[in-house]
Amino acid sequence: MLYLDPPAVPWRGRLWSHLISDVSYAELHAFAEMLGVPRRGFDRDHYDVPAERFRAAVWLGATVVPSREIVRLLRDAGLRRPKHRVSGERGQLPGQVDPRPGLPAGVRLG
């Protein structure tokens, strides 16, 4: 199942939501593609989704949950990738190429 929190994270003049799956990253990537969210929006274990796409995500089947539920759902599903398991300052997994090279070091959307 796919989950989305309300858009509340401000960055670059927009508000952002977090989109997750409690099934698999494959399900998450497929849904994000269907929603039109680029792969560079993927951050460790979730997608950062702009507020403009929130209603479409709900229409496509994502369930809205409070922000505090996002991490719990990921952890319960065994899909949480906490910061301490990632390399570098930008949240990529070891050996993964940074999907958002334009972000300043240390800036993250979720």
C-alpha atoms as a PDB file:
ATOM      1  CA  MET A   1       0.000   0.000   0.000  1.00  0.00           C
ATOM      2  CA  LEU A   2       1.152   3.567  -0.640  1.00  0.00           C
ATOM      3  CA  TYR A   3       1.077   6.334   1.948  1.00  0.00           C
ATOM      4  CA  LEU A   4       1.492  10.083   1.771  1.00  0.00           C
ATOM      5  CA  ASP A   5       1.676  12.723   4.465  1.00  0.00           C
ATOM      6  CA  PRO A   6       0.143  16.181   3.982  1.00  0.00           C
ATOM      7  CA  PRO A   7       2.420  18.730   2.283  1.00  0.00           C
ATOM      8  CA  ALA A   8       4.157  20.521   5.150  1.00  0.00           C
ATOM      9  CA  VAL A   9       7.901  20.626   4.429  1.00  0.00           C
ATOM     10  CA  PRO A  10       8.890  23.982   2.890  1.00  0.00           C
ATOM     11  CA  TRP A  11      11.763  24.080   0.393  1.00  0.00           C
ATOM     12  CA  ARG A  12      12.472  26.369  -2.551  1.00  0.00           C
ATOM     13  CA  GLY A  13       9.174  28.181  -2.221  1.00  0.00           C
ATOM     14  CA  ARG A  14       7.048  25.010  -2.271  1.00  0.00           C
ATOM     15  CA  LEU A  15       5.564  22.592   0.230  1.00  0.00           C
ATOM     16  CA  TRP A  16       6.453  18.897   0.028  1.00  0.00           C
ATOM     17  CA  SER A  17       4.971  15.563   1.118  1.00  0.00           C
ATOM     18  CA  HIS A  18       6.633  12.190   1.660  1.00  0.00           C
ATOM     19  CA  LEU A  19       5.415   9.220  -0.394  1.00  0.00           C
ATOM     20  CA  ILE A  20       6.204   5.684   0.813  1.00  0.00           C
ATOM     21  CA  SER A  21       5.271   2.068   0.194  1.00  0.00           C
ATOM     22  CA  ASP A  22       4.938  -0.565   2.885  1.00  0.00           C
ATOM     23  CA  VAL A  23       5.306  -3.300   0.251  1.00  0.00           C
ATOM     24  CA  SER A  24       8.450  -2.610  -1.796  1.00  0.00           C
ATOM     25  CA  TYR A  25      10.614   0.024  -3.425  1.00  0.00           C
ATOM     26  CA  ALA A  26       9.485  -1.376  -6.800  1.00  0.00           C
ATOM     27  CA  GLU A  27       5.870  -0.501  -5.939  1.00  0.00           C
ATOM     28  CA  LEU A  28       6.999   2.950  -4.773  1.00  0.00           C
ATOM     29  CA  HIS A  29       9.015   3.660  -7.950  1.00  0.00           C
ATOM     30  CA  ALA A  30       6.168   2.497 -10.207  1.00  0.00           C
ATOM     31  CA  PHE A  31       3.646   4.709  -8.409  1.00  0.00           C
ATOM     32  CA  ALA A  32       5.970   7.728  -8.475  1.00  0.00           C
ATOM     33  CA  GLU A  33       6.479   7.245 -12.202  1.00  0.00           C
ATOM     34  CA  MET A  34       2.716   7.030 -12.758  1.00  0.00           C
ATOM     35  CA  LEU A  35       2.335  10.208 -10.673  1.00  0.00           C
ATOM     36  CA  GLY A  36       4.984  11.987 -12.742  1.00  0.00           C
ATOM     37  CA  VAL A  37       7.469  12.425  -9.911  1.00  0.00           C
ATOM     38  CA  PRO A  38      11.035  12.192 -11.262  1.00  0.00           C
ATOM     39  CA  ARG A  39      13.444   9.606  -9.854  1.00  0.00           C
ATOM     40  CA  ARG A  40      15.579  12.423  -8.435  1.00  0.00           C
ATOM     41  CA  GLY A  41      12.742  12.910  -5.918  1.00  0.00           C
ATOM     42  CA  PHE A  42      13.651   9.571  -4.277  1.00  0.00           C
ATOM     43  CA  ASP A  43      15.465  10.030  -0.963  1.00  0.00           C
ATOM     44  CA  ARG A  44      16.687   6.817   0.721  1.00  0.00           C
ATOM     45  CA  ASP A  45      13.256   5.259   1.370  1.00  0.00           C
ATOM     46  CA  HIS A  46      10.652   7.778   0.189  1.00  0.00           C
ATOM     47  CA  TYR A  47       9.816  10.231  -2.559  1.00  0.00           C
ATOM     48  CA  ASP A  48       9.533  13.939  -1.942  1.00  0.00           C
ATOM     49  CA  VAL A  49       6.312  14.990  -3.684  1.00  0.00           C
ATOM     50  CA  PRO A  50       5.408  18.631  -4.350  1.00  0.00           C
ATOM     51  CA  ALA A  51       2.085  19.888  -2.993  1.00  0.00           C
ATOM     52  CA  GLU A  52       0.823  20.321  -6.570  1.00  0.00           C
ATOM     53  CA  ARG A  53       0.833  16.517  -6.981  1.00  0.00           C
ATOM     54  CA  PHE A  54      -0.722  15.683  -3.602  1.00  0.00           C
ATOM     55  CA  ARG A  55      -4.335  15.473  -4.840  1.00  0.00           C
ATOM     56  CA  ALA A  56      -3.320  13.354  -7.832  1.00  0.00           C
ATOM     57  CA  ALA A  57      -1.467  10.937  -5.531  1.00  0.00           C
ATOM     58  CA  VAL A  58      -4.581  10.538  -3.387  1.00  0.00           C
ATOM     59  CA  TRP A  59      -6.741  10.101  -6.481  1.00  0.00           C
ATOM     60  CA  LEU A  60      -4.368   7.383  -7.711  1.00  0.00           C
ATOM     61  CA  GLY A  61      -4.730   5.517  -4.422  1.00  0.00           C
ATOM     62  CA  ALA A  62      -2.205   6.788  -1.875  1.00  0.00           C
ATOM     63  CA  THR A  63      -3.551   6.844   1.677  1.00  0.00           C
ATOM     64  CA  VAL A  64      -3.023  10.070   3.618  1.00  0.00           C
ATOM     65  CA  VAL A  65      -1.444   9.593   7.053  1.00  0.00           C
ATOM     66  CA  PRO A  66       0.059  11.984   9.590  1.00  0.00           C
ATOM     67  CA  SER A  67       3.758  12.699   9.110  1.00  0.00           C
ATOM     68  CA  ARG A  68       4.692  10.793  12.275  1.00  0.00           C
ATOM     69  CA  GLU A  69       3.219   7.610  10.745  1.00  0.00           C
ATOM     70  CA  ILE A  70       5.576   7.626   7.742  1.00  0.00           C
ATOM     71  CA  VAL A  71       8.647   6.394   9.641  1.00  0.00           C
ATOM     72  CA  ARG A  72       6.636   3.908  11.690  1.00  0.00           C
ATOM     73  CA  LEU A  73       5.103   2.376   8.552  1.00  0.00           C
ATOM     74  CA  LEU A  74       8.514   2.117   6.879  1.00  0.00           C
ATOM     75  CA  ARG A  75      10.092   0.582   9.979  1.00  0.00           C
ATOM     76  CA  ASP A  76       7.249  -1.943  10.427  1.00  0.00           C
ATOM     77  CA  ALA A  77       7.605  -2.961   6.762  1.00  0.00           C
ATOM     78  CA  GLY A  78      11.384  -3.356   7.078  1.00  0.00           C
ATOM     79  CA  LEU A  79      11.914  -0.680   4.404  1.00  0.00           C
ATOM     80  CA  ARG A  80      13.355   2.138   6.556  1.00  0.00           C
ATOM     81  CA  ARG A  81      16.783   3.344   5.434  1.00  0.00           C
ATOM     82  CA  PRO A  82      17.939   5.617   8.258  1.00  0.00           C
ATOM     83  CA  LYS A  83      20.600   8.256   7.739  1.00  0.00           C
ATOM     84  CA  HIS A  84      23.265   6.327   9.635  1.00  0.00           C
ATOM     85  CA  ARG A  85      23.106   3.613   6.943  1.00  0.00           C
ATOM     86  CA  VAL A  86      23.825   6.024   4.105  1.00  0.00           C
ATOM     87  CA  SER A  87      27.121   7.418   2.898  1.00  0.00           C
ATOM     88  CA  GLY A  88      28.113  11.007   2.282  1.00  0.00           C
ATOM     89  CA  GLU A  89      26.136  14.125   3.054  1.00  0.00           C
ATOM     90  CA  ARG A  90      23.393  13.713   0.479  1.00  0.00           C
ATOM     91  CA  GLY A  91      21.602  10.577   1.560  1.00  0.00           C
ATOM     92  CA  GLN A  92      22.742   8.084  -1.050  1.00  0.00           C
ATOM     93  CA  LEU A  93      23.330   4.467  -0.193  1.00  0.00           C
ATOM     94  CA  PRO A  94      26.875   3.136  -0.506  1.00  0.00           C
ATOM     95  CA  GLY A  95      27.726   2.917  -4.207  1.00  0.00           C
ATOM     96  CA  GLN A  96      24.636   4.890  -5.278  1.00  0.00           C
ATOM     97  CA  VAL A  97      25.040   7.927  -7.517  1.00  0.00           C
ATOM     98  CA  ASP A  98      23.598  11.124  -6.093  1.00  0.00           C
ATOM     99  CA  PRO A  99      20.202  11.521  -7.842  1.00  0.00           C
ATOM    100  CA  ARG A 100      20.035  15.275  -7.124  1.00  0.00           C
ATOM    101  CA  PRO A 101      23.462  16.768  -7.820  1.00  0.00           C
ATOM    102  CA  GLY A 102      22.064  20.309  -7.848  1.00  0.00           C
ATOM    103  CA  LEU A 103      21.213  20.381  -4.141  1.00  0.00           C
ATOM    104  CA  PRO A 104      23.706  22.080  -1.844  1.00  0.00           C
ATOM    105  CA  ALA A 105      25.589  19.758   0.490  1.00  0.00           C
ATOM    106  CA  GLY A 106      23.589  18.940   3.591  1.00  0.00           C
ATOM    107  CA  VAL A 107      20.203  20.002   2.151  1.00  0.00           C
ATOM    108  CA  ARG A 108      17.535  17.342   2.025  1.00  0.00           C
ATOM    109  CA  LEU A 109      13.812  17.404   1.424  1.00  0.00           C
ATOM    110  CA  GLY A 110      12.617  14.982   3.997  1.00  0.00           C
END
